[in-house]
Amino acid sequence: ELKNVISILISSDFLGMARLVDECVKFIKEN
């Protein structure tokens, strides 16, 4: 969601969750 995507992006990048980082970037791009 808009309210959580940036925090999830930062956390998933820190944790090395590449697939989730990609999902977040795609969501951000679309919105």
PDB file of all heavy atoms in Angstrom:
ATOM      1  N   GLU A   1       0.847  -1.187   0.000  1.00  0.00           N
ATOM      2  CA  GLU A   1       0.000   0.000   0.000  1.00  0.00           C
ATOM      3  C   GLU A   1       0.885   1.239   0.000  1.00  0.00           C
ATOM      4  O   GLU A   1       2.067   1.172   0.366  1.00  0.00           O
ATOM      5  CB  GLU A   1      -0.905   0.008   1.234  1.00  0.00           C
ATOM      6  CG  GLU A   1      -1.819  -1.188   1.312  1.00  0.00           C
ATOM      7  CD  GLU A   1      -2.607  -1.243   2.608  1.00  0.00           C
ATOM      8  OE1 GLU A   1      -2.402  -0.374   3.491  1.00  0.00           O
ATOM      9  OE2 GLU A   1      -3.437  -2.146   2.745  1.00  0.00           O
ATOM     10  N   LEU A   2       0.301   2.353  -0.370  1.00  0.00           N
ATOM     11  CA  LEU A   2       1.053   3.612  -0.362  1.00  0.00           C
ATOM     12  C   LEU A   2       1.672   3.882   1.001  1.00  0.00           C
ATOM     13  O   LEU A   2       2.812   4.332   1.097  1.00  0.00           O
ATOM     14  CB  LEU A   2       0.154   4.783  -0.761  1.00  0.00           C
ATOM     15  CG  LEU A   2      -0.206   4.870  -2.238  1.00  0.00           C
ATOM     16  CD1 LEU A   2      -1.225   5.971  -2.459  1.00  0.00           C
ATOM     17  CD2 LEU A   2       1.017   5.082  -3.099  1.00  0.00           C
ATOM     18  N   LYS A   3       0.916   3.592   2.057  1.00  0.00           N
ATOM     19  CA  LYS A   3       1.378   3.931   3.400  1.00  0.00           C
ATOM     20  C   LYS A   3       2.526   3.051   3.895  1.00  0.00           C
ATOM     21  O   LYS A   3       3.198   3.409   4.848  1.00  0.00           O
ATOM     22  CB  LYS A   3       0.218   3.875   4.394  1.00  0.00           C
ATOM     23  CG  LYS A   3      -0.327   2.488   4.612  1.00  0.00           C
ATOM     24  CD  LYS A   3      -1.487   2.485   5.575  1.00  0.00           C
ATOM     25  CE  LYS A   3      -2.002   1.064   5.762  1.00  0.00           C
ATOM     26  NZ  LYS A   3      -3.090   1.001   6.685  1.00  0.00           N
ATOM     27  N   ASN A   4       2.761   1.888   3.227  1.00  0.00           N
ATOM     28  CA  ASN A   4       3.808   1.017   3.740  1.00  0.00           C
ATOM     29  C   ASN A   4       4.926   0.695   2.750  1.00  0.00           C
ATOM     30  O   ASN A   4       5.943   0.138   3.128  1.00  0.00           O
ATOM     31  CB  ASN A   4       3.207  -0.286   4.281  1.00  0.00           C
ATOM     32  CG  ASN A   4       2.571  -1.170   3.214  1.00  0.00           C
ATOM     33  OD1 ASN A   4       2.737  -0.981   2.014  1.00  0.00           O
ATOM     34  ND2 ASN A   4       1.825  -2.156   3.664  1.00  0.00           N
ATOM     35  N   VAL A   5       4.759   1.045   1.500  1.00  0.00           N
ATOM     36  CA  VAL A   5       5.684   0.570   0.468  1.00  0.00           C
ATOM     37  C   VAL A   5       7.120   1.073   0.648  1.00  0.00           C
ATOM     38  O   VAL A   5       8.075   0.318   0.442  1.00  0.00           O
ATOM     39  CB  VAL A   5       5.156   0.867  -0.956  1.00  0.00           C
ATOM     40  CG1 VAL A   5       5.188   2.354  -1.260  1.00  0.00           C
ATOM     41  CG2 VAL A   5       5.936   0.081  -1.996  1.00  0.00           C
ATOM     42  N   ILE A   6       7.318   2.299   1.065  1.00  0.00           N
ATOM     43  CA  ILE A   6       8.682   2.828   1.231  1.00  0.00           C
ATOM     44  C   ILE A   6       9.380   2.123   2.386  1.00  0.00           C
ATOM     45  O   ILE A   6      10.536   1.691   2.267  1.00  0.00           O
ATOM     46  CB  ILE A   6       8.682   4.357   1.428  1.00  0.00           C
ATOM     47  CG1 ILE A   6       8.091   5.058   0.210  1.00  0.00           C
ATOM     48  CG2 ILE A   6      10.094   4.867   1.738  1.00  0.00           C
ATOM     49  CD1 ILE A   6       8.880   4.878  -1.077  1.00  0.00           C
ATOM     50  N   SER A   7       8.691   1.958   3.509  1.00  0.00           N
ATOM     51  CA  SER A   7       9.284   1.263   4.654  1.00  0.00           C
ATOM     52  C   SER A   7       9.595  -0.187   4.320  1.00  0.00           C
ATOM     53  O   SER A   7      10.637  -0.713   4.718  1.00  0.00           O
ATOM     54  CB  SER A   7       8.349   1.323   5.865  1.00  0.00           C
ATOM     55  OG  SER A   7       8.204   2.641   6.311  1.00  0.00           O
ATOM     56  N   ILE A   8       8.705  -0.836   3.589  1.00  0.00           N
ATOM     57  CA  ILE A   8       8.939  -2.222   3.199  1.00  0.00           C
ATOM     58  C   ILE A   8      10.091  -2.306   2.206  1.00  0.00           C
ATOM     59  O   ILE A   8      10.917  -3.216   2.278  1.00  0.00           O
ATOM     60  CB  ILE A   8       7.651  -2.854   2.649  1.00  0.00           C
ATOM     61  CG1 ILE A   8       6.642  -2.999   3.795  1.00  0.00           C
ATOM     62  CG2 ILE A   8       7.923  -4.196   1.985  1.00  0.00           C
ATOM     63  CD1 ILE A   8       5.256  -3.377   3.381  1.00  0.00           C
ATOM     64  N   LEU A   9      10.174  -1.354   1.306  1.00  0.00           N
ATOM     65  CA  LEU A   9      11.291  -1.314   0.363  1.00  0.00           C
ATOM     66  C   LEU A   9      12.624  -1.216   1.096  1.00  0.00           C
ATOM     67  O   LEU A   9      13.561  -1.973   0.827  1.00  0.00           O
ATOM     68  CB  LEU A   9      11.128  -0.135  -0.599  1.00  0.00           C
ATOM     69  CG  LEU A   9      12.289   0.138  -1.548  1.00  0.00           C
ATOM     70  CD1 LEU A   9      12.510  -1.039  -2.498  1.00  0.00           C
ATOM     71  CD2 LEU A   9      12.053   1.416  -2.320  1.00  0.00           C
ATOM     72  N   ILE A  10      12.722  -0.306   2.028  1.00  0.00           N
ATOM     73  CA  ILE A  10      13.961  -0.099   2.779  1.00  0.00           C
ATOM     74  C   ILE A  10      14.305  -1.350   3.588  1.00  0.00           C
ATOM     75  O   ILE A  10      15.446  -1.820   3.572  1.00  0.00           O
ATOM     76  CB  ILE A  10      13.846   1.138   3.690  1.00  0.00           C
ATOM     77  CG1 ILE A  10      13.733   2.394   2.833  1.00  0.00           C
ATOM     78  CG2 ILE A  10      15.035   1.232   4.648  1.00  0.00           C
ATOM     79  CD1 ILE A  10      13.267   3.612   3.586  1.00  0.00           C
ATOM     80  N   SER A  11      13.312  -1.908   4.275  1.00  0.00           N
ATOM     81  CA  SER A  11      13.550  -3.091   5.102  1.00  0.00           C
ATOM     82  C   SER A  11      13.922  -4.301   4.258  1.00  0.00           C
ATOM     83  O   SER A  11      14.839  -5.055   4.601  1.00  0.00           O
ATOM     84  CB  SER A  11      12.306  -3.412   5.942  1.00  0.00           C
ATOM     85  OG  SER A  11      12.030  -2.364   6.835  1.00  0.00           O
ATOM     86  N   SER A  12      13.225  -4.511   3.158  1.00  0.00           N
ATOM     87  CA  SER A  12      13.512  -5.675   2.313  1.00  0.00           C
ATOM     88  C   SER A  12      14.889  -5.550   1.655  1.00  0.00           C
ATOM     89  O   SER A  12      15.588  -6.549   1.483  1.00  0.00           O
ATOM     90  CB  SER A  12      12.415  -5.888   1.271  1.00  0.00           C
ATOM     91  OG  SER A  12      12.280  -4.776   0.422  1.00  0.00           O
ATOM     92  N   ASP A  13      15.298  -4.339   1.311  1.00  0.00           N
ATOM     93  CA  ASP A  13      16.637  -4.136   0.762  1.00  0.00           C
ATOM     94  C   ASP A  13      17.689  -4.466   1.811  1.00  0.00           C
ATOM     95  O   ASP A  13      18.658  -5.174   1.538  1.00  0.00           O
ATOM     96  CB  ASP A  13      16.799  -2.702   0.266  1.00  0.00           C
ATOM     97  CG  ASP A  13      18.165  -2.443  -0.334  1.00  0.00           C
ATOM     98  OD1 ASP A  13      18.517  -3.117  -1.325  1.00  0.00           O
ATOM     99  OD2 ASP A  13      18.882  -1.570   0.192  1.00  0.00           O
ATOM    100  N   PHE A  14      17.488  -3.992   3.026  1.00  0.00           N
ATOM    101  CA  PHE A  14      18.415  -4.252   4.124  1.00  0.00           C
ATOM    102  C   PHE A  14      18.540  -5.746   4.393  1.00  0.00           C
ATOM    103  O   PHE A  14      19.625  -6.262   4.658  1.00  0.00           O
ATOM    104  CB  PHE A  14      17.955  -3.525   5.388  1.00  0.00           C
ATOM    105  CG  PHE A  14      18.813  -3.790   6.580  1.00  0.00           C
ATOM    106  CD1 PHE A  14      20.008  -3.104   6.754  1.00  0.00           C
ATOM    107  CD2 PHE A  14      18.440  -4.722   7.529  1.00  0.00           C
ATOM    108  CE1 PHE A  14      20.815  -3.350   7.860  1.00  0.00           C
ATOM    109  CE2 PHE A  14      19.238  -4.977   8.632  1.00  0.00           C
ATOM    110  CZ  PHE A  14      20.427  -4.290   8.800  1.00  0.00           C
ATOM    111  N   LEU A  15      17.413  -6.468   4.298  1.00  0.00           N
ATOM    112  CA  LEU A  15      17.391  -7.898   4.595  1.00  0.00           C
ATOM    113  C   LEU A  15      17.776  -8.769   3.395  1.00  0.00           C
ATOM    114  O   LEU A  15      17.814  -9.989   3.498  1.00  0.00           O
ATOM    115  CB  LEU A  15      16.003  -8.297   5.104  1.00  0.00           C
ATOM    116  CG  LEU A  15      15.604  -7.669   6.438  1.00  0.00           C
ATOM    117  CD1 LEU A  15      14.130  -7.918   6.717  1.00  0.00           C
ATOM    118  CD2 LEU A  15      16.481  -8.193   7.570  1.00  0.00           C
ATOM    119  N   GLY A  16      18.035  -8.153   2.257  1.00  0.00           N
ATOM    120  CA  GLY A  16      18.443  -8.900   1.075  1.00  0.00           C
ATOM    121  C   GLY A  16      17.314  -9.688   0.426  1.00  0.00           C
ATOM    122  O   GLY A  16      17.552 -10.749  -0.150  1.00  0.00           O
ATOM    123  N   MET A  17      16.108  -9.168   0.499  1.00  0.00           N
ATOM    124  CA  MET A  17      14.930  -9.829  -0.077  1.00  0.00           C
ATOM    125  C   MET A  17      14.686  -9.258  -1.478  1.00  0.00           C
ATOM    126  O   MET A  17      13.800  -8.431  -1.676  1.00  0.00           O
ATOM    127  CB  MET A  17      13.726  -9.619   0.843  1.00  0.00           C
ATOM    128  CG  MET A  17      13.937 -10.139   2.254  1.00  0.00           C
ATOM    129  SD  MET A  17      12.636  -9.629   3.401  1.00  0.00           S
ATOM    130  CE  MET A  17      11.298 -10.685   2.886  1.00  0.00           C
ATOM    131  N   ALA A  18      15.487  -9.717  -2.437  1.00  0.00           N
ATOM    132  CA  ALA A  18      15.511  -9.128  -3.781  1.00  0.00           C
ATOM    133  C   ALA A  18      14.153  -9.154  -4.473  1.00  0.00           C
ATOM    134  O   ALA A  18      13.762  -8.175  -5.115  1.00  0.00           O
ATOM    135  CB  ALA A  18      16.548  -9.837  -4.642  1.00  0.00           C
ATOM    136  N   ARG A  19      13.422 -10.258  -4.358  1.00  0.00           N
ATOM    137  CA  ARG A  19      12.112 -10.340  -5.023  1.00  0.00           C
ATOM    138  C   ARG A  19      11.139  -9.298  -4.463  1.00  0.00           C
ATOM    139  O   ARG A  19      10.417  -8.644  -5.213  1.00  0.00           O
ATOM    140  CB  ARG A  19      11.521 -11.742  -4.864  1.00  0.00           C
ATOM    141  CG  ARG A  19      10.279 -11.939  -5.713  1.00  0.00           C
ATOM    142  CD  ARG A  19       9.789 -13.385  -5.656  1.00  0.00           C
ATOM    143  NE  ARG A  19       8.406 -13.337  -5.234  1.00  0.00           N
ATOM    144  CZ  ARG A  19       7.880 -13.991  -4.238  1.00  0.00           C
ATOM    145  NH1 ARG A  19       8.598 -14.795  -3.507  1.00  0.00           N
ATOM    146  NH2 ARG A  19       6.606 -13.865  -3.942  1.00  0.00           N
ATOM    147  N   LEU A  20      11.162  -9.111  -3.154  1.00  0.00           N
ATOM    148  CA  LEU A  20      10.289  -8.119  -2.544  1.00  0.00           C
ATOM    149  C   LEU A  20      10.727  -6.707  -2.911  1.00  0.00           C
ATOM    150  O   LEU A  20       9.882  -5.836  -3.145  1.00  0.00           O
ATOM    151  CB  LEU A  20      10.240  -8.298  -1.027  1.00  0.00           C
ATOM    152  CG  LEU A  20       9.317  -7.370  -0.253  1.00  0.00           C
ATOM    153  CD1 LEU A  20       7.896  -7.386  -0.812  1.00  0.00           C
ATOM    154  CD2 LEU A  20       9.316  -7.731   1.227  1.00  0.00           C
ATOM    155  N   VAL A  21      12.022  -6.462  -2.992  1.00  0.00           N
ATOM    156  CA  VAL A  21      12.516  -5.155  -3.440  1.00  0.00           C
ATOM    157  C   VAL A  21      11.972  -4.866  -4.832  1.00  0.00           C
ATOM    158  O   VAL A  21      11.461  -3.767  -5.093  1.00  0.00           O
ATOM    159  CB  VAL A  21      14.067  -5.100  -3.434  1.00  0.00           C
ATOM    160  CG1 VAL A  21      14.575  -3.854  -4.157  1.00  0.00           C
ATOM    161  CG2 VAL A  21      14.601  -5.149  -2.018  1.00  0.00           C
ATOM    162  N   ASP A  22      12.050  -5.850  -5.719  1.00  0.00           N
ATOM    163  CA  ASP A  22      11.530  -5.677  -7.077  1.00  0.00           C
ATOM    164  C   ASP A  22      10.034  -5.388  -7.081  1.00  0.00           C
ATOM    165  O   ASP A  22       9.559  -4.539  -7.841  1.00  0.00           O
ATOM    166  CB  ASP A  22      11.822  -6.914  -7.931  1.00  0.00           C
ATOM    167  CG  ASP A  22      13.299  -7.087  -8.240  1.00  0.00           C
ATOM    168  OD1 ASP A  22      14.066  -6.108  -8.085  1.00  0.00           O
ATOM    169  OD2 ASP A  22      13.681  -8.206  -8.628  1.00  0.00           O
ATOM    170  N   GLU A  23       9.290  -6.088  -6.228  1.00  0.00           N
ATOM    171  CA  GLU A  23       7.842  -5.853  -6.138  1.00  0.00           C
ATOM    172  C   GLU A  23       7.551  -4.429  -5.661  1.00  0.00           C
ATOM    173  O   GLU A  23       6.645  -3.766  -6.176  1.00  0.00           O
ATOM    174  CB  GLU A  23       7.190  -6.864  -5.197  1.00  0.00           C
ATOM    175  CG  GLU A  23       7.159  -8.264  -5.745  1.00  0.00           C
ATOM    176  CD  GLU A  23       6.589  -9.259  -4.753  1.00  0.00           C
ATOM    177  OE1 GLU A  23       5.656  -8.897  -4.013  1.00  0.00           O
ATOM    178  OE2 GLU A  23       7.079 -10.396  -4.719  1.00  0.00           O
ATOM    179  N   CYS A  24       8.306  -3.965  -4.680  1.00  0.00           N
ATOM    180  CA  CYS A  24       8.117  -2.611  -4.161  1.00  0.00           C
ATOM    181  C   CYS A  24       8.444  -1.567  -5.223  1.00  0.00           C
ATOM    182  O   CYS A  24       7.695  -0.594  -5.396  1.00  0.00           O
ATOM    183  CB  CYS A  24       8.992  -2.382  -2.931  1.00  0.00           C
ATOM    184  SG  CYS A  24       8.476  -3.285  -1.457  1.00  0.00           S
ATOM    185  N   VAL A  25       9.545  -1.769  -5.939  1.00  0.00           N
ATOM    186  CA  VAL A  25       9.935  -0.819  -6.990  1.00  0.00           C
ATOM    187  C   VAL A  25       8.864  -0.784  -8.073  1.00  0.00           C
ATOM    188  O   VAL A  25       8.494   0.291  -8.557  1.00  0.00           O
ATOM    189  CB  VAL A  25      11.327  -1.179  -7.562  1.00  0.00           C
ATOM    190  CG1 VAL A  25      11.625  -0.382  -8.815  1.00  0.00           C
ATOM    191  CG2 VAL A  25      12.399  -0.952  -6.511  1.00  0.00           C
ATOM    192  N   LYS A  26       8.336  -1.932  -8.444  1.00  0.00           N
ATOM    193  CA  LYS A  26       7.275  -1.989  -9.447  1.00  0.00           C
ATOM    194  C   LYS A  26       6.026  -1.242  -8.958  1.00  0.00           C
ATOM    195  O   LYS A  26       5.426  -0.458  -9.691  1.00  0.00           O
ATOM    196  CB  LYS A  26       6.918  -3.439  -9.760  1.00  0.00           C
ATOM    197  CG  LYS A  26       5.835  -3.593 -10.793  1.00  0.00           C
ATOM    198  CD  LYS A  26       5.515  -5.053 -11.054  1.00  0.00           C
ATOM    199  CE  LYS A  26       4.331  -5.143 -12.012  1.00  0.00           C
ATOM    200  NZ  LYS A  26       3.860  -6.516 -12.152  1.00  0.00           N
ATOM    201  N   PHE A  27       5.654  -1.456  -7.694  1.00  0.00           N
ATOM    202  CA  PHE A  27       4.500  -0.771  -7.117  1.00  0.00           C
ATOM    203  C   PHE A  27       4.720   0.744  -7.125  1.00  0.00           C
ATOM    204  O   PHE A  27       3.824   1.514  -7.481  1.00  0.00           O
ATOM    205  CB  PHE A  27       4.251  -1.262  -5.691  1.00  0.00           C
ATOM    206  CG  PHE A  27       3.074  -0.610  -5.024  1.00  0.00           C
ATOM    207  CD1 PHE A  27       1.812  -1.161  -5.123  1.00  0.00           C
ATOM    208  CD2 PHE A  27       3.229   0.561  -4.287  1.00  0.00           C
ATOM    209  CE1 PHE A  27       0.722  -0.565  -4.510  1.00  0.00           C
ATOM    210  CE2 PHE A  27       2.155   1.164  -3.675  1.00  0.00           C
ATOM    211  CZ  PHE A  27       0.889   0.607  -3.791  1.00  0.00           C
ATOM    212  N   ILE A  28       5.912   1.174  -6.732  1.00  0.00           N
ATOM    213  CA  ILE A  28       6.223   2.602  -6.699  1.00  0.00           C
ATOM    214  C   ILE A  28       6.150   3.183  -8.107  1.00  0.00           C
ATOM    215  O   ILE A  28       5.601   4.264  -8.315  1.00  0.00           O
ATOM    216  CB  ILE A  28       7.599   2.844  -6.048  1.00  0.00           C
ATOM    217  CG1 ILE A  28       7.523   2.520  -4.556  1.00  0.00           C
ATOM    218  CG2 ILE A  28       8.073   4.272  -6.274  1.00  0.00           C
ATOM    219  CD1 ILE A  28       8.860   2.442  -3.855  1.00  0.00           C
ATOM    220  N   LYS A  29       6.706   2.475  -9.070  1.00  0.00           N
ATOM    221  CA  LYS A  29       6.678   2.937 -10.465  1.00  0.00           C
ATOM    222  C   LYS A  29       5.245   3.114 -10.945  1.00  0.00           C
ATOM    223  O   LYS A  29       4.918   4.110 -11.583  1.00  0.00           O
ATOM    224  CB  LYS A  29       7.416   1.933 -11.346  1.00  0.00           C
ATOM    225  CG  LYS A  29       7.437   2.290 -12.806  1.00  0.00           C
ATOM    226  CD  LYS A  29       8.153   1.221 -13.611  1.00  0.00           C
ATOM    227  CE  LYS A  29       7.984   1.467 -15.095  1.00  0.00           C
ATOM    228  NZ  LYS A  29       8.557   0.393 -15.891  1.00  0.00           N
ATOM    229  N   GLU A  30       4.385   2.147 -10.627  1.00  0.00           N
ATOM    230  CA  GLU A  30       2.991   2.194 -11.060  1.00  0.00           C
ATOM    231  C   GLU A  30       2.181   3.269 -10.338  1.00  0.00           C
ATOM    232  O   GLU A  30       1.130   3.680 -10.821  1.00  0.00           O
ATOM    233  CB  GLU A  30       2.337   0.829 -10.857  1.00  0.00           C
ATOM    234  CG  GLU A  30       2.885  -0.238 -11.775  1.00  0.00           C
ATOM    235  CD  GLU A  30       2.427  -1.647 -11.421  1.00  0.00           C
ATOM    236  OE1 GLU A  30       1.742  -1.824 -10.389  1.00  0.00           O
ATOM    237  OE2 GLU A  30       2.766  -2.573 -12.178  1.00  0.00           O
ATOM    238  N   ASN A  31       2.656   3.711  -9.189  1.00  0.00           N
ATOM    239  CA  ASN A  31       1.921   4.684  -8.366  1.00  0.00           C
ATOM    240  C   ASN A  31       2.774   5.900  -8.034  1.00  0.00           C
ATOM    241  O   ASN A  31       2.576   6.549  -7.001  1.00  0.00           O
ATOM    242  CB  ASN A  31       1.467   4.008  -7.064  1.00  0.00           C
ATOM    243  CG  ASN A  31       0.534   2.862  -7.304  1.00  0.00           C
ATOM    244  OD1 ASN A  31      -0.648   3.062  -7.561  1.00  0.00           O
ATOM    245  ND2 ASN A  31       1.050   1.649  -7.254  1.00  0.00           N
TER     246      ASN A  31
END
